[in-house]
Amino acid sequence: MRCPYCRHADSRVVDSREADDGQLIRRRRACPECGKRFTTVEEAVLAVVKRSGVTEPFSRTKISGGVRKACQGRPVDEDAIALLAQKVEETVRARGAAEIPSHEVGLAILGPLRELDEVAYLRFASVYRSFESLGDFEREIASLRAAAAAREGAGRAEGAGRPQVPEPAGGRAQ
């Protein structure tokens, strides 16, 4: 790192600290030439590669905006949208790549949105997956119903292993 005071080509790191929930690293540096200290801030840049091949920085704001449009008129609050956008960013950053295709960002949105609100999920999926017919919607709704039935069945299966309450000694009145 070049010294901003004397332009010497090297510096020594004196202290490093994470900031902004680990998204930034602040480093105190000292110049071996002039002895002055200065601070640098490092940020891992995540780029999204669009279908056209254009690369742009990842934006949590764009995620929130798209999800907000899908949730319009639905009982979903801003905190839930912000939390979903944070989850998507964490998922995307966890892949460890400096560049990620926009398609993968869309896939990372679909899962949490499906859990948040099924109608908003259908809206988003219809645009994201370019639904062209009623059949596309019907297949997606069938998938949502199957997932709901599986969750319901799993809930009943958990209750199946519970001990039954014995009947009173006198039996039931007939």
Protein backbone atom coordinates (compact mmCIF):
# COMPACT_ATOMS: atom_id res chain seq x y z
CA MET A 1 0.00 0.00 0.00
CA ARG A 2 1.47 3.32 -1.07
CA CYS A 3 1.87 5.97 1.67
CA PRO A 4 -0.50 8.91 1.04
CA TYR A 5 2.03 11.35 2.58
CA CYS A 6 5.40 10.53 1.01
CA ARG A 7 4.24 8.14 -1.76
CA HIS A 8 6.62 5.41 -0.52
CA ALA A 9 5.62 2.11 -2.19
CA ASP A 10 5.35 0.03 0.99
CA SER A 11 3.70 0.20 4.41
CA ARG A 12 3.43 -1.97 7.49
CA VAL A 13 0.10 -3.12 8.98
CA VAL A 14 -0.09 -2.09 12.65
CA ASP A 15 -3.67 -3.17 13.44
CA SER A 16 -6.59 -4.86 11.63
CA ARG A 17 -10.25 -4.84 12.64
CA GLU A 18 -13.46 -6.06 11.06
CA ALA A 19 -16.22 -3.55 10.52
CA ASP A 20 -19.76 -3.61 9.13
CA ASP A 21 -20.45 -7.21 10.26
CA GLY A 22 -17.25 -8.54 8.70
CA GLN A 23 -17.90 -6.99 5.28
CA LEU A 24 -15.07 -4.46 5.72
CA ILE A 25 -11.58 -4.64 7.17
CA ARG A 26 -10.01 -1.50 8.62
CA ARG A 27 -6.24 -1.52 8.76
CA ARG A 28 -3.95 0.95 10.55
CA ARG A 29 -0.72 1.20 8.62
CA ALA A 30 2.64 2.82 9.24
CA CYS A 31 5.02 4.06 6.56
CA PRO A 32 8.61 2.86 7.14
CA GLU A 33 9.93 5.88 5.20
CA CYS A 34 8.23 8.88 6.83
CA GLY A 35 6.83 7.13 9.95
CA LYS A 36 3.32 8.55 9.54
CA ARG A 37 0.26 6.41 10.14
CA PHE A 38 -2.87 6.10 8.02
CA THR A 39 -6.01 3.95 7.78
CA THR A 40 -7.17 1.85 4.85
CA VAL A 41 -10.54 0.18 4.42
CA GLU A 42 -10.76 -3.05 2.43
CA GLU A 43 -13.99 -4.47 1.06
CA ALA A 44 -14.52 -7.73 -0.77
CA VAL A 45 -16.29 -6.76 -3.98
CA LEU A 46 -18.85 -9.21 -5.32
CA ALA A 47 -19.77 -8.80 -8.97
CA VAL A 48 -22.91 -10.06 -10.71
CA VAL A 49 -22.59 -11.17 -14.32
CA LYS A 50 -25.81 -10.38 -16.18
CA ARG A 51 -27.13 -12.45 -19.09
CA SER A 52 -25.81 -9.84 -21.53
CA GLY A 53 -22.29 -10.38 -20.16
CA VAL A 54 -22.20 -7.00 -18.40
CA THR A 55 -20.74 -7.11 -14.90
CA GLU A 56 -22.03 -4.89 -12.09
CA PRO A 57 -21.50 -4.80 -8.31
CA PHE A 58 -23.85 -6.90 -6.18
CA SER A 59 -26.60 -4.74 -4.67
CA ARG A 60 -28.67 -5.76 -1.69
CA THR A 61 -30.90 -2.78 -2.53
CA LYS A 62 -31.77 -4.33 -5.91
CA ILE A 63 -32.68 -7.60 -4.18
CA SER A 64 -34.94 -5.74 -1.73
CA GLY A 65 -36.57 -3.79 -4.57
CA GLY A 66 -37.41 -6.91 -6.58
CA VAL A 67 -38.76 -8.73 -3.55
CA ARG A 68 -40.74 -5.64 -2.51
CA LYS A 69 -42.44 -5.58 -5.93
CA ALA A 70 -43.34 -9.26 -5.61
CA CYS A 71 -44.72 -8.64 -2.10
CA GLN A 72 -46.79 -5.61 -3.09
CA GLY A 73 -50.20 -5.84 -1.42
CA ARG A 74 -49.12 -8.83 0.67
CA PRO A 75 -48.83 -8.87 4.50
CA VAL A 76 -45.01 -8.75 4.43
CA ASP A 77 -43.19 -6.04 6.38
CA GLU A 78 -39.98 -4.21 5.48
CA ASP A 79 -37.97 -6.01 8.16
CA ALA A 80 -38.80 -9.38 6.60
CA ILE A 81 -37.74 -8.09 3.17
CA ALA A 82 -34.48 -6.70 4.58
CA LEU A 83 -33.79 -10.01 6.35
CA LEU A 84 -34.46 -11.95 3.13
CA ALA A 85 -32.05 -9.67 1.21
CA GLN A 86 -29.41 -10.23 3.89
CA LYS A 87 -29.87 -14.02 3.67
CA VAL A 88 -29.53 -13.88 -0.11
CA GLU A 89 -26.32 -11.85 0.16
CA GLU A 90 -24.88 -14.24 2.75
CA THR A 91 -25.78 -17.23 0.55
CA VAL A 92 -24.19 -15.67 -2.51
CA ARG A 93 -21.03 -14.55 -0.66
CA ALA A 94 -20.68 -17.98 0.96
CA ARG A 95 -19.98 -19.45 -2.48
CA GLY A 96 -16.62 -17.71 -2.30
CA ALA A 97 -16.57 -16.52 -5.91
CA ALA A 98 -15.70 -12.94 -6.88
CA GLU A 99 -18.25 -13.07 -9.72
CA ILE A 100 -21.61 -14.80 -9.74
CA PRO A 101 -24.13 -15.17 -12.57
CA SER A 102 -27.40 -13.26 -12.10
CA HIS A 103 -29.23 -16.57 -12.55
CA GLU A 104 -27.69 -17.87 -9.31
CA VAL A 105 -28.74 -14.71 -7.47
CA GLY A 106 -32.31 -15.34 -8.65
CA LEU A 107 -32.17 -18.93 -7.43
CA ALA A 108 -30.88 -17.71 -4.06
CA ILE A 109 -33.94 -15.44 -3.79
CA LEU A 110 -36.55 -18.09 -4.67
CA GLY A 111 -36.02 -20.37 -1.64
CA PRO A 112 -36.34 -17.76 1.13
CA LEU A 113 -39.17 -15.97 -0.73
CA ARG A 114 -41.12 -19.24 -0.98
CA GLU A 115 -40.90 -19.57 2.81
CA LEU A 116 -41.81 -15.91 3.35
CA ASP A 117 -44.93 -15.67 1.17
CA GLU A 118 -46.16 -18.16 -1.43
CA VAL A 119 -48.08 -15.58 -3.48
CA ALA A 120 -45.06 -13.28 -3.66
CA TYR A 121 -42.97 -16.32 -4.59
CA LEU A 122 -45.36 -17.12 -7.47
CA ARG A 123 -45.18 -13.53 -8.70
CA PHE A 124 -41.38 -13.48 -8.59
CA ALA A 125 -41.03 -16.95 -10.10
CA SER A 126 -43.42 -16.07 -12.94
CA VAL A 127 -41.17 -13.21 -14.01
CA TYR A 128 -37.85 -14.84 -13.14
CA ARG A 129 -38.67 -18.14 -14.86
CA SER A 130 -40.62 -16.44 -17.69
CA PHE A 131 -43.93 -18.25 -17.25
CA GLU A 132 -45.72 -18.28 -20.60
CA SER A 133 -48.95 -20.15 -19.92
CA LEU A 134 -51.45 -21.15 -17.28
CA GLY A 135 -49.79 -24.56 -17.30
CA ASP A 136 -46.57 -22.99 -15.94
CA PHE A 137 -48.56 -21.49 -13.04
CA GLU A 138 -50.46 -24.73 -12.45
CA ARG A 139 -47.23 -26.76 -12.24
CA GLU A 140 -45.74 -24.30 -9.75
CA ILE A 141 -48.91 -24.25 -7.64
CA ALA A 142 -48.95 -28.07 -7.65
CA SER A 143 -45.34 -27.99 -6.43
CA LEU A 144 -46.31 -25.58 -3.62
CA ARG A 145 -49.25 -27.80 -2.63
CA ALA A 146 -47.06 -30.91 -2.60
CA ALA A 147 -44.51 -29.15 -0.38
CA ALA A 148 -47.29 -28.00 1.99
CA ALA A 149 -48.71 -31.53 2.14
CA ALA A 150 -45.25 -32.94 2.88
CA ARG A 151 -44.80 -30.42 5.72
CA GLU A 152 -48.25 -31.31 7.05
CA GLY A 153 -47.50 -35.02 6.84
CA ALA A 154 -44.21 -34.53 8.65
CA GLY A 155 -46.05 -32.64 11.40
CA ARG A 156 -48.53 -35.48 11.81
CA ALA A 157 -45.75 -38.07 11.81
CA GLU A 158 -44.07 -36.27 14.71
CA GLY A 159 -47.29 -36.50 16.71
CA ALA A 160 -47.72 -40.22 15.87
CA GLY A 161 -44.93 -41.28 18.19
CA ARG A 162 -46.45 -39.55 21.22
CA PRO A 163 -47.96 -41.73 23.95
CA GLN A 164 -51.73 -41.91 23.97
CA VAL A 165 -53.60 -40.66 27.05
CA PRO A 166 -55.27 -43.63 28.76
CA GLU A 167 -59.04 -43.59 29.15
CA PRO A 168 -60.52 -43.31 32.63
CA ALA A 169 -60.91 -46.62 34.51
CA GLY A 170 -64.69 -46.63 34.10
CA GLY A 171 -64.45 -46.58 30.32
CA ARG A 172 -66.47 -44.36 28.01
CA ALA A 173 -70.16 -43.79 28.50
CA GLN A 174 -72.14 -45.52 25.76
